[in-house]
Amino acid sequence: MQDTRALALTFEVSGLPPVKTEALSIFAAGHRQATRVRALLQAACAAAQRTGWTPLAGPIEVDLTLRCPPGHRTSDASTLLGGVCAVLQDKKRVANIGLAHLGVLVDVALYDDDRQIRRLSYAEEPAEDFSYQVRVAAVPTVV
């Protein structure tokens, strides 16, 4: 029987991505990134439901394309990628903080753990308004 699950998922999010810049978890209730975290989780959830996505367990690649007005970049690539990747992985490992405020969004995960990432890419494109595109894909294992 052929495996028919999706091996790549691409989706758009309005606004800015969450950034990971401090020791405090971006999942903490009331964190200043909470609105961005929630927007990313909602977009990922909608895309996963639309495609029948199941979290990947093997090697992955993550691509982030930020669209922003020229000269209005908000953060560096590493903090943007760090925030997006933290949000899209399985959140069970951050269970030492309360996640109840996320409601059903706590279960949104496109892959298990950041250790799976084998390739990261970041690009910027000029635009009138802030938005971004995320792509998560399985990386074929080579033997």
C-alpha atoms as a PDB file:
ATOM      1  CA  MET A   1       0.000   0.000   0.000  1.00  0.00           C
ATOM      2  CA  GLN A   2       1.348   3.448  -0.921  1.00  0.00           C
ATOM      3  CA  ASP A   3       1.901   6.165   1.712  1.00  0.00           C
ATOM      4  CA  THR A   4      -0.365   9.009   0.595  1.00  0.00           C
ATOM      5  CA  ARG A   5       0.275  11.584   3.310  1.00  0.00           C
ATOM      6  CA  ALA A   6       1.551  14.996   2.298  1.00  0.00           C
ATOM      7  CA  LEU A   7       5.319  15.463   2.410  1.00  0.00           C
ATOM      8  CA  ALA A   8       5.327  19.259   2.033  1.00  0.00           C
ATOM      9  CA  LEU A   9       3.071  21.953   3.436  1.00  0.00           C
ATOM     10  CA  THR A  10       3.149  25.635   2.447  1.00  0.00           C
ATOM     11  CA  PHE A  11       0.953  28.349   3.924  1.00  0.00           C
ATOM     12  CA  GLU A  12       0.688  32.128   4.296  1.00  0.00           C
ATOM     13  CA  VAL A  13       0.349  34.210   7.452  1.00  0.00           C
ATOM     14  CA  SER A  14      -0.549  37.910   7.673  1.00  0.00           C
ATOM     15  CA  GLY A  15       1.572  40.092   9.913  1.00  0.00           C
ATOM     16  CA  LEU A  16       4.975  39.332  11.387  1.00  0.00           C
ATOM     17  CA  PRO A  17       6.332  35.956  12.519  1.00  0.00           C
ATOM     18  CA  PRO A  18       7.064  35.331  16.189  1.00  0.00           C
ATOM     19  CA  VAL A  19      10.663  35.945  17.196  1.00  0.00           C
ATOM     20  CA  LYS A  20      12.655  33.951  19.707  1.00  0.00           C
ATOM     21  CA  THR A  21      15.018  36.355  21.460  1.00  0.00           C
ATOM     22  CA  GLU A  22      14.901  35.614  25.166  1.00  0.00           C
ATOM     23  CA  ALA A  23      14.965  32.814  27.707  1.00  0.00           C
ATOM     24  CA  LEU A  24      11.258  33.237  28.539  1.00  0.00           C
ATOM     25  CA  SER A  25       9.197  30.805  26.472  1.00  0.00           C
ATOM     26  CA  ILE A  26       7.183  32.414  23.676  1.00  0.00           C
ATOM     27  CA  PHE A  27       4.386  30.077  24.783  1.00  0.00           C
ATOM     28  CA  ALA A  28       4.052  31.681  28.219  1.00  0.00           C
ATOM     29  CA  ALA A  29       0.652  33.263  28.837  1.00  0.00           C
ATOM     30  CA  GLY A  30       0.844  37.000  28.226  1.00  0.00           C
ATOM     31  CA  HIS A  31       4.177  36.857  26.353  1.00  0.00           C
ATOM     32  CA  ARG A  32       4.656  39.826  24.013  1.00  0.00           C
ATOM     33  CA  GLN A  33       4.802  37.387  21.055  1.00  0.00           C
ATOM     34  CA  ALA A  34       1.447  35.758  21.962  1.00  0.00           C
ATOM     35  CA  THR A  35      -0.535  37.327  19.107  1.00  0.00           C
ATOM     36  CA  ARG A  36       2.076  36.269  16.547  1.00  0.00           C
ATOM     37  CA  VAL A  37       2.281  32.755  18.012  1.00  0.00           C
ATOM     38  CA  ARG A  38      -1.491  32.373  17.832  1.00  0.00           C
ATOM     39  CA  ALA A  39      -1.652  33.669  14.223  1.00  0.00           C
ATOM     40  CA  LEU A  40       1.024  31.189  13.131  1.00  0.00           C
ATOM     41  CA  LEU A  41      -0.675  28.293  14.925  1.00  0.00           C
ATOM     42  CA  GLN A  42      -4.056  29.159  13.391  1.00  0.00           C
ATOM     43  CA  ALA A  43      -2.606  29.346   9.863  1.00  0.00           C
ATOM     44  CA  ALA A  44      -0.677  26.083  10.323  1.00  0.00           C
ATOM     45  CA  CYS A  45      -3.763  24.380  11.728  1.00  0.00           C
ATOM     46  CA  ALA A  46      -5.936  25.491   8.792  1.00  0.00           C
ATOM     47  CA  ALA A  47      -3.332  24.341   6.256  1.00  0.00           C
ATOM     48  CA  ALA A  48      -2.862  20.991   8.010  1.00  0.00           C
ATOM     49  CA  GLN A  49      -6.609  20.357   8.151  1.00  0.00           C
ATOM     50  CA  ARG A  50      -7.047  21.338   4.501  1.00  0.00           C
ATOM     51  CA  THR A  51      -4.368  18.884   3.338  1.00  0.00           C
ATOM     52  CA  GLY A  52      -4.682  16.074   5.877  1.00  0.00           C
ATOM     53  CA  TRP A  53      -1.163  16.794   7.151  1.00  0.00           C
ATOM     54  CA  THR A  54       0.271  14.587   9.850  1.00  0.00           C
ATOM     55  CA  PRO A  55       3.378  15.655  11.798  1.00  0.00           C
ATOM     56  CA  LEU A  56       6.617  14.499  10.217  1.00  0.00           C
ATOM     57  CA  ALA A  57       8.927  12.303  12.269  1.00  0.00           C
ATOM     58  CA  GLY A  58      11.949  12.151   9.940  1.00  0.00           C
ATOM     59  CA  PRO A  59      14.375  14.761   8.587  1.00  0.00           C
ATOM     60  CA  ILE A  60      12.777  18.035   7.458  1.00  0.00           C
ATOM     61  CA  GLU A  61      13.498  21.372   5.843  1.00  0.00           C
ATOM     62  CA  VAL A  62      11.904  24.675   6.808  1.00  0.00           C
ATOM     63  CA  ASP A  63      11.671  27.673   4.486  1.00  0.00           C
ATOM     64  CA  LEU A  64      10.588  31.122   5.650  1.00  0.00           C
ATOM     65  CA  THR A  65       9.877  33.987   3.277  1.00  0.00           C
ATOM     66  CA  LEU A  66       9.246  37.351   4.945  1.00  0.00           C
ATOM     67  CA  ARG A  67       7.405  40.010   2.992  1.00  0.00           C
ATOM     68  CA  CYS A  68       7.932  43.522   4.293  1.00  0.00           C
ATOM     69  CA  PRO A  69       8.028  47.156   3.187  1.00  0.00           C
ATOM     70  CA  PRO A  70      11.531  48.071   1.995  1.00  0.00           C
ATOM     71  CA  GLY A  71      13.694  49.266   4.884  1.00  0.00           C
ATOM     72  CA  HIS A  72      11.305  47.953   7.564  1.00  0.00           C
ATOM     73  CA  ARG A  73      12.868  44.633   8.516  1.00  0.00           C
ATOM     74  CA  THR A  74      11.975  43.858  12.120  1.00  0.00           C
ATOM     75  CA  SER A  75      14.423  41.182  13.299  1.00  0.00           C
ATOM     76  CA  ASP A  76      17.334  39.127  12.072  1.00  0.00           C
ATOM     77  CA  ALA A  77      16.843  35.869  10.207  1.00  0.00           C
ATOM     78  CA  SER A  78      17.957  33.651  13.094  1.00  0.00           C
ATOM     79  CA  THR A  79      15.409  35.030  15.595  1.00  0.00           C
ATOM     80  CA  LEU A  80      12.629  34.826  12.987  1.00  0.00           C
ATOM     81  CA  LEU A  81      13.496  31.235  12.054  1.00  0.00           C
ATOM     82  CA  GLY A  82      13.874  30.337  15.740  1.00  0.00           C
ATOM     83  CA  GLY A  83      10.432  31.665  16.586  1.00  0.00           C
ATOM     84  CA  VAL A  84       8.681  29.986  13.664  1.00  0.00           C
ATOM     85  CA  CYS A  85      10.393  26.638  14.275  1.00  0.00           C
ATOM     86  CA  ALA A  86       9.639  26.724  18.014  1.00  0.00           C
ATOM     87  CA  VAL A  87       5.943  27.261  17.313  1.00  0.00           C
ATOM     88  CA  LEU A  88       5.606  24.580  14.633  1.00  0.00           C
ATOM     89  CA  GLN A  89       7.219  21.717  16.552  1.00  0.00           C
ATOM     90  CA  ASP A  90       5.366  19.489  19.020  1.00  0.00           C
ATOM     91  CA  LYS A  91       4.842  21.542  22.169  1.00  0.00           C
ATOM     92  CA  LYS A  92       4.651  18.607  24.587  1.00  0.00           C
ATOM     93  CA  ARG A  93       8.312  19.140  25.504  1.00  0.00           C
ATOM     94  CA  VAL A  94       7.557  22.635  26.880  1.00  0.00           C
ATOM     95  CA  ALA A  95       4.942  21.235  29.216  1.00  0.00           C
ATOM     96  CA  ASN A  96       6.810  22.691  32.214  1.00  0.00           C
ATOM     97  CA  ILE A  97       4.850  25.908  31.590  1.00  0.00           C
ATOM     98  CA  GLY A  98       1.094  26.169  31.384  1.00  0.00           C
ATOM     99  CA  LEU A  99      -0.210  25.934  27.823  1.00  0.00           C
ATOM    100  CA  ALA A 100      -3.951  25.858  28.567  1.00  0.00           C
ATOM    101  CA  HIS A 101      -4.309  29.430  27.240  1.00  0.00           C
ATOM    102  CA  LEU A 102      -3.567  28.080  23.734  1.00  0.00           C
ATOM    103  CA  GLY A 103      -6.668  25.886  23.827  1.00  0.00           C
ATOM    104  CA  VAL A 104      -6.838  23.412  20.924  1.00  0.00           C
ATOM    105  CA  LEU A 105      -3.910  25.184  19.240  1.00  0.00           C
ATOM    106  CA  VAL A 106      -1.553  23.475  21.707  1.00  0.00           C
ATOM    107  CA  ASP A 107      -1.921  20.332  19.572  1.00  0.00           C
ATOM    108  CA  VAL A 108      -0.837  22.001  16.312  1.00  0.00           C
ATOM    109  CA  ALA A 109       2.516  20.523  15.275  1.00  0.00           C
ATOM    110  CA  LEU A 110       3.946  20.091  11.789  1.00  0.00           C
ATOM    111  CA  TYR A 111       6.867  17.983  13.024  1.00  0.00           C
ATOM    112  CA  ASP A 112       8.090  16.451  16.264  1.00  0.00           C
ATOM    113  CA  ASP A 113      11.254  18.329  17.213  1.00  0.00           C
ATOM    114  CA  ASP A 114      13.732  20.933  15.923  1.00  0.00           C
ATOM    115  CA  ARG A 115      16.417  18.223  15.909  1.00  0.00           C
ATOM    116  CA  GLN A 116      14.800  16.936  12.710  1.00  0.00           C
ATOM    117  CA  ILE A 117      15.738  20.072  10.756  1.00  0.00           C
ATOM    118  CA  ARG A 118      18.382  19.384   8.122  1.00  0.00           C
ATOM    119  CA  ARG A 119      17.885  22.504   5.979  1.00  0.00           C
ATOM    120  CA  LEU A 120      16.744  26.033   6.785  1.00  0.00           C
ATOM    121  CA  SER A 121      16.199  28.851   4.335  1.00  0.00           C
ATOM    122  CA  TYR A 122      15.228  32.474   4.776  1.00  0.00           C
ATOM    123  CA  ALA A 123      14.344  35.023   2.122  1.00  0.00           C
ATOM    124  CA  GLU A 124      12.879  38.515   2.067  1.00  0.00           C
ATOM    125  CA  GLU A 125      10.596  40.002  -0.547  1.00  0.00           C
ATOM    126  CA  PRO A 126       9.385  43.606  -0.806  1.00  0.00           C
ATOM    127  CA  ALA A 127       5.694  44.161  -0.096  1.00  0.00           C
ATOM    128  CA  GLU A 128       3.349  46.901   1.087  1.00  0.00           C
ATOM    129  CA  ASP A 129       2.284  44.985   4.198  1.00  0.00           C
ATOM    130  CA  PHE A 130       3.982  42.474   6.471  1.00  0.00           C
ATOM    131  CA  SER A 131       3.252  38.807   5.814  1.00  0.00           C
ATOM    132  CA  TYR A 132       5.191  35.596   5.519  1.00  0.00           C
ATOM    133  CA  GLN A 133       5.135  32.180   3.940  1.00  0.00           C
ATOM    134  CA  VAL A 134       6.219  28.998   5.673  1.00  0.00           C
ATOM    135  CA  ARG A 135       7.083  25.727   3.988  1.00  0.00           C
ATOM    136  CA  VAL A 136       7.827  22.531   5.895  1.00  0.00           C
ATOM    137  CA  ALA A 137       8.861  19.482   3.902  1.00  0.00           C
ATOM    138  CA  ALA A 138      10.256  16.026   4.420  1.00  0.00           C
ATOM    139  CA  VAL A 139      13.865  15.583   3.371  1.00  0.00           C
ATOM    140  CA  PRO A 140      14.429  12.271   1.643  1.00  0.00           C
ATOM    141  CA  THR A 141      16.796  10.050   3.574  1.00  0.00           C
ATOM    142  CA  VAL A 142      19.857   9.093   1.575  1.00  0.00           C
ATOM    143  CA  VAL A 143      21.605   5.791   2.251  1.00  0.00           C
END
